[in-house]
Protein backbone atom coordinates (compact mmCIF):
# COMPACT_ATOMS: atom_id res chain seq x y z
CA MET A 1 50.34 -61.78 -102.19
CA ASN A 2 51.75 -63.48 -98.80
CA THR A 3 52.86 -61.19 -96.21
CA ILE A 4 55.54 -61.68 -93.61
CA LEU A 5 55.28 -59.53 -90.51
CA HIS A 6 58.44 -58.56 -88.84
CA LEU A 7 58.60 -56.90 -85.48
CA GLY A 8 62.06 -55.10 -85.16
CA LEU A 9 63.05 -52.84 -88.03
CA GLY A 10 66.50 -52.64 -86.83
CA SER A 11 69.87 -52.70 -89.26
CA PHE A 12 70.18 -56.44 -88.98
CA HIS A 13 67.05 -57.41 -90.19
CA ARG A 14 67.36 -54.86 -93.49
CA ALA A 15 70.75 -56.28 -94.21
CA HIS A 16 69.77 -60.07 -93.51
CA GLN A 17 66.12 -61.26 -93.91
CA ALA A 18 65.04 -58.38 -96.13
CA VAL A 19 68.05 -59.06 -98.66
CA TYR A 20 67.17 -62.38 -98.88
CA LEU A 21 63.60 -61.74 -99.79
CA HIS A 22 64.61 -58.95 -102.35
CA GLU A 23 67.01 -61.28 -104.04
CA LEU A 24 64.11 -63.75 -104.43
CA GLN A 25 61.83 -61.14 -105.73
CA GLN A 26 64.59 -60.26 -108.03
CA THR A 27 64.20 -63.80 -109.60
CA GLY A 28 60.49 -63.02 -110.33
CA ASP A 29 58.88 -64.42 -107.57
CA ARG A 30 56.49 -61.66 -105.96
CA ARG A 31 54.55 -64.22 -103.88
CA TRP A 32 55.97 -63.07 -101.00
CA ALA A 33 56.33 -59.14 -99.23
CA LEU A 34 57.40 -57.97 -95.90
CA ALA A 35 55.73 -55.59 -93.71
CA GLY A 36 57.23 -54.37 -90.63
CA GLY A 37 57.70 -52.31 -87.54
CA ASN A 38 59.01 -51.45 -83.98
CA ILE A 39 57.26 -52.68 -80.85
CA ARG A 40 58.98 -49.69 -78.98
CA PRO A 41 59.47 -46.17 -80.05
CA ASP A 42 63.08 -46.94 -81.26
CA MET A 43 64.98 -45.34 -84.22
CA THR A 44 61.84 -43.13 -85.22
CA ASP A 45 64.46 -40.97 -87.37
CA THR A 46 64.78 -44.18 -89.26
CA ILE A 47 61.48 -45.39 -89.22
CA ASP A 48 60.22 -41.99 -90.79
CA ALA A 49 62.97 -42.16 -93.58
CA LEU A 50 61.45 -45.64 -94.61
CA ILE A 51 58.25 -44.55 -94.33
CA ALA A 52 58.91 -41.58 -96.85
CA GLN A 53 60.87 -43.93 -99.17
CA ARG A 54 57.92 -46.84 -99.15
CA GLY A 55 60.36 -49.06 -97.31
CA ALA A 56 63.26 -48.87 -99.70
CA TYR A 57 66.53 -48.40 -98.76
CA MET A 58 70.51 -48.49 -100.14
CA LEU A 59 72.44 -51.01 -98.95
CA GLU A 60 76.54 -50.78 -98.83
CA THR A 61 78.09 -54.14 -98.87
CA VAL A 62 81.94 -54.34 -98.09
CA THR A 63 84.22 -57.55 -98.73
CA PRO A 64 87.36 -58.43 -96.40
CA HIS A 65 89.44 -56.74 -99.41
CA ASN A 66 87.59 -53.43 -99.06
CA GLU A 67 85.68 -53.89 -102.41
CA ARG A 68 82.36 -51.79 -101.86
CA SER A 69 79.03 -52.33 -103.73
CA TYR A 70 75.59 -50.64 -103.47
CA THR A 71 71.80 -52.11 -103.62
CA ARG A 72 68.44 -50.55 -103.53
CA ILE A 73 66.76 -53.24 -101.41
CA SER A 74 62.83 -53.01 -101.99
CA SER A 75 61.44 -56.18 -100.46
CA ILE A 76 59.74 -54.05 -97.33
CA GLN A 77 56.48 -53.27 -98.70
CA THR A 78 54.82 -51.72 -95.68
CA VAL A 79 56.75 -49.86 -93.08
CA VAL A 80 54.34 -49.54 -89.86
CA PRO A 81 54.79 -46.24 -88.24
CA PHE A 82 55.09 -46.79 -84.20
CA ASP A 83 51.51 -46.50 -82.22
CA ALA A 84 51.53 -47.18 -78.40
CA GLU A 85 48.34 -49.47 -79.12
CA LEU A 86 50.74 -51.56 -81.82
CA SER A 87 47.64 -51.24 -83.78
CA GLY A 88 49.11 -51.20 -87.42
CA LEU A 89 51.19 -54.28 -86.47
CA VAL A 90 47.94 -55.95 -84.86
CA ALA A 91 46.05 -55.39 -88.30
CA ILE A 92 48.47 -56.96 -90.26
CA GLY A 93 49.03 -60.02 -87.94
CA ALA A 94 45.32 -60.69 -87.98
CA ALA A 95 45.16 -60.81 -91.71
CA SER A 96 44.81 -64.18 -92.95
CA THR A 97 47.20 -63.19 -95.96
CA THR A 98 50.10 -62.96 -93.31
CA ARG A 99 51.66 -66.45 -93.13
CA ILE A 100 54.55 -65.92 -91.35
CA ILE A 101 55.43 -63.56 -88.19
CA SER A 102 59.21 -62.82 -87.80
CA PHE A 103 61.18 -60.94 -84.98
CA THR A 104 64.94 -60.12 -84.20
CA VAL A 105 65.35 -59.66 -80.49
CA THR A 106 68.58 -59.44 -78.42
CA GLU A 107 69.03 -62.29 -76.14
CA ALA A 108 68.07 -60.62 -72.87
CA GLY A 109 64.62 -59.36 -74.48
CA TYR A 110 63.50 -63.32 -73.64
CA TYR A 111 63.86 -62.87 -70.28
CA LEU A 112 64.59 -66.27 -69.66
CA ASP A 113 66.61 -67.47 -66.42
CA ALA A 114 69.42 -70.37 -66.64
CA LYS A 115 66.69 -72.97 -67.29
CA TYR A 116 65.15 -71.19 -69.67
CA GLN A 117 61.86 -70.39 -67.43
CA LEU A 118 60.49 -66.68 -67.61
CA ASP A 119 62.36 -64.53 -65.21
CA GLN A 120 59.54 -62.21 -63.32
CA ASN A 121 62.41 -60.40 -61.65
CA PHE A 122 62.48 -58.17 -64.66
CA ALA A 123 60.22 -55.28 -63.95
CA ASP A 124 59.38 -54.73 -68.16
CA LEU A 125 58.28 -58.65 -68.17
CA ARG A 126 55.79 -58.05 -65.18
CA ALA A 127 54.57 -54.64 -66.45
CA ASP A 128 53.83 -56.71 -69.93
CA LEU A 129 51.87 -59.15 -67.91
CA ALA A 130 49.74 -56.15 -66.06
CA ALA A 131 49.46 -54.31 -69.26
CA VAL A 132 47.90 -57.33 -71.19
CA ARG A 133 45.53 -58.08 -68.53
CA ALA A 134 44.44 -54.43 -68.36
CA GLY A 135 43.92 -53.79 -72.19
CA GLU A 136 47.07 -51.53 -71.74
CA PRO A 137 50.40 -51.02 -74.30
CA VAL A 138 52.79 -53.65 -73.94
CA CYS A 139 56.81 -53.36 -74.73
CA THR A 140 58.00 -56.97 -74.86
CA ILE A 141 58.04 -59.33 -77.55
CA TYR A 142 55.80 -61.48 -75.50
CA GLY A 143 53.30 -58.83 -74.87
CA ALA A 144 53.19 -58.10 -78.72
CA LEU A 145 52.82 -61.46 -79.59
CA THR A 146 50.23 -62.20 -77.43
CA VAL A 147 48.17 -59.13 -78.31
CA ILE A 148 48.63 -59.92 -82.03
CA LEU A 149 47.86 -63.52 -82.13
CA ARG A 150 44.46 -62.85 -79.68
CA ALA A 151 43.36 -60.56 -82.59
CA ARG A 152 44.38 -63.51 -85.10
CA MET A 153 42.49 -66.06 -83.25
CA ALA A 154 39.32 -63.55 -82.81
CA ALA A 155 39.55 -63.07 -86.98
CA ASN A 156 39.76 -66.65 -87.47
CA ALA A 157 42.77 -65.94 -89.90
CA GLY A 158 44.12 -69.30 -89.99
CA SER A 159 47.68 -70.59 -88.59
CA VAL A 160 51.08 -68.65 -88.67
CA THR A 161 54.59 -69.51 -88.31
CA LEU A 162 56.64 -67.76 -85.47
CA LEU A 163 59.91 -67.40 -86.78
CA ASN A 164 62.99 -66.15 -84.75
CA CYS A 165 66.02 -63.92 -86.73
CA ASP A 166 68.14 -63.71 -83.90
CA ASN A 167 71.56 -65.30 -81.81
CA LEU A 168 69.43 -67.07 -78.80
CA ARG A 169 70.58 -70.61 -79.16
CA HIS A 170 67.47 -72.90 -80.03
CA ASN A 171 65.62 -69.62 -80.63
CA GLY A 172 62.44 -71.28 -82.22
CA GLU A 173 62.07 -73.48 -79.08
CA ARG A 174 63.06 -71.15 -76.32
CA SER A 175 60.87 -68.22 -77.22
CA ARG A 176 58.03 -70.56 -77.99
CA GLY A 177 58.46 -71.65 -74.26
CA GLY A 178 58.75 -68.30 -73.28
CA LEU A 179 55.34 -67.52 -75.09
CA LEU A 180 53.31 -70.06 -73.83
CA GLN A 181 54.58 -69.40 -70.21
CA PHE A 182 53.62 -66.09 -70.56
CA ILE A 183 50.34 -66.82 -71.76
CA GLU A 184 49.85 -69.37 -69.18
CA LEU A 185 50.65 -66.81 -66.20
CA LEU A 186 47.48 -64.52 -68.21
CA GLY A 187 45.44 -67.29 -67.77
CA ASP A 188 44.23 -67.29 -71.30
CA SER A 189 43.87 -70.91 -71.91
CA ALA A 190 41.81 -70.34 -75.08
CA LEU A 191 44.75 -68.27 -76.69
CA LEU A 192 47.19 -71.14 -75.14
CA THR A 193 45.30 -73.92 -77.13
CA TRP A 194 44.96 -72.03 -80.19
CA VAL A 195 48.70 -70.91 -80.26
CA GLN A 196 49.95 -74.73 -79.67
CA ALA A 197 47.37 -75.83 -82.55
CA ASN A 198 48.03 -73.04 -84.96
CA THR A 199 51.77 -71.85 -84.88
CA THR A 200 55.20 -73.26 -85.79
CA SER A 201 58.40 -71.92 -84.16
CA PRO A 202 61.45 -72.96 -86.12
CA ASN A 203 64.89 -72.70 -84.92
CA ALA A 204 67.10 -70.68 -87.09
CA MET A 205 70.66 -69.21 -87.15
CA VAL A 206 71.31 -65.94 -88.83
CA ASP A 207 74.66 -64.66 -89.61
CA ARG A 208 76.06 -61.08 -91.04
CA ILE A 209 78.24 -58.36 -89.34
CA THR A 210 76.01 -55.25 -89.64
CA PRO A 211 77.50 -52.25 -87.65
CA ARG A 212 75.08 -49.56 -86.54
CA PRO A 213 74.75 -47.05 -89.58
CA THR A 214 77.03 -43.78 -89.34
CA PRO A 215 76.59 -40.61 -91.33
CA GLU A 216 79.62 -41.89 -93.36
CA VAL A 217 77.63 -44.80 -94.91
CA ARG A 218 75.22 -42.42 -95.83
CA ALA A 219 78.03 -40.12 -97.66
CA ARG A 220 79.40 -42.80 -99.30
CA VAL A 221 76.16 -44.20 -100.63
CA LEU A 222 75.53 -40.45 -102.03
CA SER A 223 78.94 -40.38 -103.59
CA ALA A 224 78.69 -43.82 -105.02
CA THR A 225 75.15 -43.64 -106.26
CA GLY A 226 73.76 -40.22 -106.25
CA VAL A 227 71.09 -41.25 -103.97
CA ASP A 228 70.79 -39.31 -100.63
CA ASP A 229 69.47 -42.04 -98.08
CA PRO A 230 68.75 -41.30 -94.56
CA ALA A 231 67.85 -44.84 -93.89
CA ALA A 232 71.15 -46.23 -95.77
CA LEU A 233 73.32 -49.04 -93.88
CA MET A 234 76.15 -51.11 -94.16
CA GLY A 235 76.86 -54.90 -93.81
CA GLU A 236 79.78 -57.37 -94.52
CA SER A 237 79.80 -59.30 -97.81
CA PHE A 238 79.52 -62.62 -95.77
CA ILE A 239 75.84 -63.68 -95.35
CA GLN A 240 74.30 -67.17 -93.86
CA TRP A 241 70.74 -68.35 -93.08
CA VAL A 242 70.06 -71.58 -91.74
CA ILE A 243 66.59 -72.75 -90.76
CA GLU A 244 64.61 -75.39 -89.51
CA ASP A 245 62.04 -76.33 -92.43
CA ASN A 246 59.14 -76.35 -89.99
CA PHE A 247 56.40 -73.94 -91.41
CA ILE A 248 52.74 -74.09 -90.58
CA ALA A 249 51.40 -72.02 -93.03
CA GLY A 250 53.76 -72.03 -96.08
CA ARG A 251 57.07 -69.93 -96.63
CA PRO A 252 58.79 -68.32 -99.78
CA GLU A 253 61.32 -70.61 -101.60
CA TRP A 254 64.47 -69.14 -99.93
CA GLU A 255 66.63 -72.12 -100.87
CA LYS A 256 66.64 -70.69 -104.45
CA VAL A 257 68.48 -67.56 -103.11
CA GLY A 258 71.01 -69.48 -100.59
CA VAL A 259 69.12 -70.12 -97.43
CA GLU A 260 69.90 -73.35 -96.10
CA MET A 261 66.84 -75.10 -95.38
CA VAL A 262 67.39 -78.03 -92.85
CA LYS A 263 66.14 -80.71 -90.34
CA SER A 264 68.18 -79.65 -87.45
CA VAL A 265 70.06 -76.16 -87.30
CA GLN A 266 71.89 -77.50 -83.66
CA ALA A 267 75.50 -77.65 -85.31
CA TYR A 268 75.18 -74.35 -87.20
CA GLU A 269 73.98 -72.59 -83.91
CA GLU A 270 76.52 -74.00 -81.90
CA ALA A 271 79.52 -73.34 -84.14
CA LYS A 272 78.18 -69.61 -84.54
CA ILE A 273 77.45 -68.80 -80.82
CA ARG A 274 80.41 -70.37 -79.71
CA LEU A 275 82.96 -69.87 -82.21
CA LEU A 276 81.75 -66.42 -83.69
CA ASN A 277 79.83 -64.72 -80.99
CA ALA A 278 81.71 -65.71 -78.08
CA THR A 279 84.91 -64.74 -79.92
CA HIS A 280 83.65 -61.40 -80.92
CA SER A 281 82.45 -60.46 -77.48
CA CYS A 282 86.17 -61.83 -76.23
CA ILE A 283 87.99 -59.40 -79.13
CA ALA A 284 85.62 -56.30 -77.78
CA TRP A 285 86.55 -56.71 -74.06
CA ALA A 286 90.15 -57.26 -74.81
CA GLY A 287 90.41 -54.14 -77.68
CA THR A 288 88.80 -52.00 -75.07
CA LEU A 289 91.07 -52.65 -71.98
CA VAL A 290 94.23 -51.56 -74.30
CA GLY A 291 92.63 -48.64 -75.93
CA TYR A 292 91.34 -49.59 -78.85
CA THR A 293 87.84 -48.37 -80.82
CA PHE A 294 86.89 -51.01 -83.29
CA ILE A 295 86.98 -54.75 -83.70
CA HIS A 296 89.22 -54.90 -86.51
CA GLU A 297 92.20 -53.17 -84.42
CA GLY A 298 91.91 -55.90 -81.81
CA THR A 299 91.78 -58.83 -84.38
CA LEU A 300 94.64 -57.43 -86.10
CA ASP A 301 96.33 -57.20 -82.83
CA GLN A 302 98.54 -60.47 -82.49
CA VAL A 303 98.13 -61.09 -78.79
CA ILE A 304 94.04 -60.41 -78.93
CA ARG A 305 94.29 -62.67 -82.09
CA ARG A 306 95.83 -65.72 -80.19
CA LEU A 307 93.46 -65.02 -76.79
CA ALA A 308 90.47 -65.42 -79.71
CA TYR A 309 92.14 -68.45 -81.68
CA ASP A 310 93.35 -70.37 -78.59
CA TYR A 311 89.62 -70.00 -76.45
CA VAL A 312 88.40 -71.85 -80.06
CA THR A 313 91.17 -74.28 -80.81
CA ASP A 314 91.67 -75.51 -77.55
CA ASP A 315 88.86 -75.41 -75.28
CA THR A 316 85.84 -75.19 -78.18
CA ILE A 317 86.38 -77.22 -80.95
CA PRO A 318 87.16 -80.29 -79.23
CA VAL A 319 83.80 -80.39 -77.16
CA LEU A 320 81.75 -79.67 -80.44
CA LEU A 321 83.46 -82.85 -82.30
CA PRO A 322 82.13 -84.87 -84.32
CA CYS A 323 80.35 -81.86 -86.74
CA PRO A 324 79.16 -81.83 -89.95
CA ILE A 325 81.12 -77.94 -90.21
CA ASP A 326 84.63 -77.63 -90.92
CA LEU A 327 85.34 -76.01 -87.58
CA GLU A 328 88.48 -75.10 -88.10
CA ARG A 329 88.09 -73.36 -91.33
CA TYR A 330 84.89 -71.75 -89.73
CA ARG A 331 87.26 -70.19 -86.98
CA ASP A 332 89.74 -68.93 -89.90
CA VAL A 333 86.86 -67.42 -92.09
CA VAL A 334 85.52 -65.81 -88.75
CA LEU A 335 88.60 -64.25 -87.79
CA ASP A 336 89.29 -62.97 -91.40
CA ARG A 337 85.64 -61.38 -91.02
CA PHE A 338 86.53 -59.64 -87.95
CA GLY A 339 89.56 -58.32 -89.14
CA ASN A 340 88.25 -56.32 -92.15
CA PRO A 341 88.94 -52.58 -91.39
CA ALA A 342 86.24 -51.70 -93.86
CA ILE A 343 83.54 -52.60 -91.72
CA ALA A 344 84.92 -50.39 -88.80
CA ASP A 345 82.32 -52.21 -86.24
CA THR A 346 82.76 -50.66 -82.76
CA ASN A 347 83.88 -52.59 -79.39
CA GLN A 348 80.57 -50.58 -77.95
CA ARG A 349 78.40 -52.40 -80.13
CA VAL A 350 79.84 -55.91 -79.56
CA ALA A 351 80.84 -55.50 -75.97
CA MET A 352 77.29 -54.97 -75.03
CA ASP A 353 75.01 -57.65 -72.78
CA ALA A 354 77.77 -59.75 -71.21
CA PHE A 355 75.25 -60.37 -68.56
CA SER A 356 73.29 -62.59 -70.90
CA LYS A 357 76.08 -63.51 -73.45
CA ILE A 358 78.41 -65.04 -70.52
CA PRO A 359 75.54 -67.72 -69.87
CA ALA A 360 74.67 -68.14 -73.37
CA MET A 361 77.92 -68.31 -75.31
CA ILE A 362 80.72 -69.04 -72.93
CA ALA A 363 79.55 -70.90 -70.00
CA PRO A 364 78.21 -73.99 -72.33
CA THR A 365 81.75 -74.60 -73.46
CA ILE A 366 83.18 -74.15 -69.51
CA ARG A 367 80.32 -76.57 -68.52
CA ASP A 368 81.27 -79.31 -71.38
CA ARG A 369 85.00 -79.17 -70.70
CA LEU A 370 84.11 -79.72 -66.82
CA ALA A 371 82.00 -82.49 -67.64
CA ARG A 372 84.99 -83.98 -69.19
CA ASN A 373 87.48 -83.49 -66.72
CA GLU A 374 89.28 -81.12 -69.00
CA THR A 375 90.83 -77.91 -68.42
CA ILE A 376 89.47 -74.10 -68.86
CA SER A 377 92.61 -72.59 -69.07
CA SER A 378 91.94 -70.87 -72.41
CA VAL A 379 87.82 -70.42 -72.54
CA SER A 380 88.20 -68.95 -68.76
CA MET A 381 90.23 -65.76 -70.19
CA LEU A 382 86.76 -64.75 -71.63
CA PRO A 383 85.05 -63.96 -68.54
CA ALA A 384 88.37 -62.94 -66.97
CA LEU A 385 88.55 -60.15 -69.87
CA PHE A 386 84.94 -59.30 -68.96
CA LEU A 387 85.67 -59.48 -65.07
CA ALA A 388 88.38 -56.48 -65.77
CA TYR A 389 86.18 -54.39 -68.15
CA LEU A 390 83.36 -54.78 -65.57
CA GLN A 391 86.25 -53.09 -63.10
CA ARG A 392 86.77 -50.44 -65.54
CA TRP A 393 83.05 -49.68 -66.09
CA HIS A 394 82.76 -49.53 -62.13
CA ALA A 395 85.61 -47.00 -62.13
CA GLY A 396 83.76 -44.91 -64.85
CA GLN A 397 86.86 -45.45 -67.04
CA ILE A 398 85.04 -47.41 -69.90
CA PRO A 399 85.26 -44.66 -73.01
CA TYR A 400 81.79 -45.08 -74.18
CA THR A 401 78.32 -46.03 -72.44
CA TYR A 402 78.22 -49.60 -71.50
CA GLN A 403 74.64 -51.06 -72.42
CA ASP A 404 73.47 -54.60 -70.58
CA GLN A 405 69.76 -55.35 -70.36
CA ALA A 406 70.25 -58.30 -67.84
CA MET A 407 72.97 -56.64 -65.60
CA ASP A 408 71.72 -55.16 -62.25
CA PRO A 409 73.98 -52.35 -62.05
CA ASN A 410 74.40 -52.42 -58.09
CA ALA A 411 75.18 -55.99 -58.15
CA ALA A 412 77.81 -55.34 -60.64
CA HIS A 413 79.32 -52.75 -58.59
CA ALA A 414 79.35 -54.73 -55.52
CA ILE A 415 81.22 -57.61 -57.45
CA CYS A 416 83.94 -54.73 -57.99
CA GLU A 417 84.05 -53.59 -54.61
CA ALA A 418 84.21 -56.91 -53.08
CA ALA A 419 87.06 -57.97 -51.03
CA ASP A 420 87.75 -60.90 -53.66
CA PRO A 421 86.03 -59.80 -56.88
CA VAL A 422 87.02 -63.23 -58.88
CA ALA A 423 84.91 -64.89 -56.09
CA ALA A 424 82.02 -62.23 -56.11
CA PHE A 425 82.21 -62.69 -59.98
CA CYS A 426 82.06 -66.48 -60.31
CA ALA A 427 79.30 -66.71 -57.44
CA ASP A 428 76.83 -64.43 -59.68
CA SER A 429 74.21 -66.93 -60.55
CA VAL A 430 72.82 -64.93 -63.11
CA LEU A 431 76.40 -65.08 -65.04
CA TRP A 432 76.85 -68.82 -63.95
CA GLY A 433 73.44 -70.57 -63.07
CA PRO A 434 74.26 -74.02 -61.67
CA LEU A 435 78.38 -73.01 -62.13
CA ALA A 436 78.07 -70.47 -59.49
CA ASN A 437 81.06 -70.74 -56.88
CA ASP A 438 82.35 -73.87 -58.70
CA GLU A 439 85.76 -74.18 -57.23
CA ARG A 440 87.31 -75.42 -60.85
CA LEU A 441 85.65 -72.14 -62.13
CA VAL A 442 87.21 -69.72 -59.25
CA SER A 443 90.54 -71.17 -59.70
CA ALA A 444 90.78 -70.83 -63.26
CA VAL A 445 89.21 -67.43 -63.88
CA ARG A 446 91.87 -66.47 -60.88
CA HIS A 447 94.71 -67.56 -62.69
CA SER A 448 93.09 -66.46 -66.08
CA PHE A 449 92.64 -62.86 -64.28
CA ALA A 450 96.31 -62.47 -63.30
CA ARG A 451 97.19 -63.09 -67.13
CA VAL A 452 94.52 -60.38 -68.14
CA ASP A 453 96.43 -58.01 -65.84
CA ARG A 454 99.98 -59.01 -67.28
CA PHE A 455 98.30 -58.42 -70.67
CA ILE A 456 97.16 -54.82 -70.01
CA LYS A 457 100.41 -54.13 -68.53
CA ASN A 458 102.69 -55.61 -71.50
CA HIS A 459 100.77 -53.80 -74.10
CA HIS A 460 102.40 -51.61 -76.22
């Protein structure tokens, strides 16, 4: 039996990667199993429930037409309880039967600057470098992978693939770059050489809307199946996984259950990040500004839907052509998915982490348009919406807790207190990198910010 060790047993992994392996196992192919746990003491109630249920849980799937179905997912055969030394994860990661180590991390959790170099301004990153040197507990993906891979090298356990399952663009290359820089900063040349020779890092694109589980999901699962499952979760019926076929130590035959194994994921990745992720954020920020709680409410609001549609149609699709994907159809499917009331995905979940999402998901389209001497009036509505949202946050008027791992709260408050908030916002190097202070950006965002103000005032 071959093992995939997954770091980050959150909802997305359990509604996506674990589902594909479950479906493969249902065909009779049981050559691979999942083991997983968290590198921080997160979601302890869910982890305890999964341990009690031997890794199995109920997944509710919802179509855009509100058809619900229920599946018991049983591909996670080992759930590792959290311990500060990560000893359970290290033991599995150092076993020769473990052929893939996968992970799901937010964009901000990679600590990369605009040039994809490790940004040592992050306290967690500096702390982990010191912790690895001192043999103390770690809390970042780089610290965890370093500890696991050191143990694997020492055990002579052989090659292993490092597989991202998250939204970072070029995620395999960029996380690999970050990991190699981290090991270099440690001065561990033996491990650096070993990782370069004995691992690969395929790029991958993942997609399935998976809201944070609520008590209502557990209640519906109980009502529909008779199973009371504290680890139950819900996802939309749409699911997609596109992976660069670059595995150094074997892989499951995922293509038998609908995974697209390709030579390059770039076109899929750009479509997902720019047409889906950026649009999602646009709807979450706009919806919050006019009092909506859920993504579907904003998507079904014709004014907000038009903002998202225009961003994709006017400014984004043209810079992605030629493309092997039908981008107009992709746009329409995305908006249909976002309009599904049954998902009840919150603006709170989608609005978070703008200080890493703007540079990763929105700024590239602005850069591409400006490089072609084209207008940015539709795409600039997205940062303008976020600036209006940030001003609400500054005033304590967001009706939920805004979470943003890459945001410096003092710098964000300073933007909002500036005599010219638009200029201060467009000068922020975390958000804009080389585009900061660009007169074309400032002018477009200023115009769009006035449009956002009118949108809020005229909304009924």
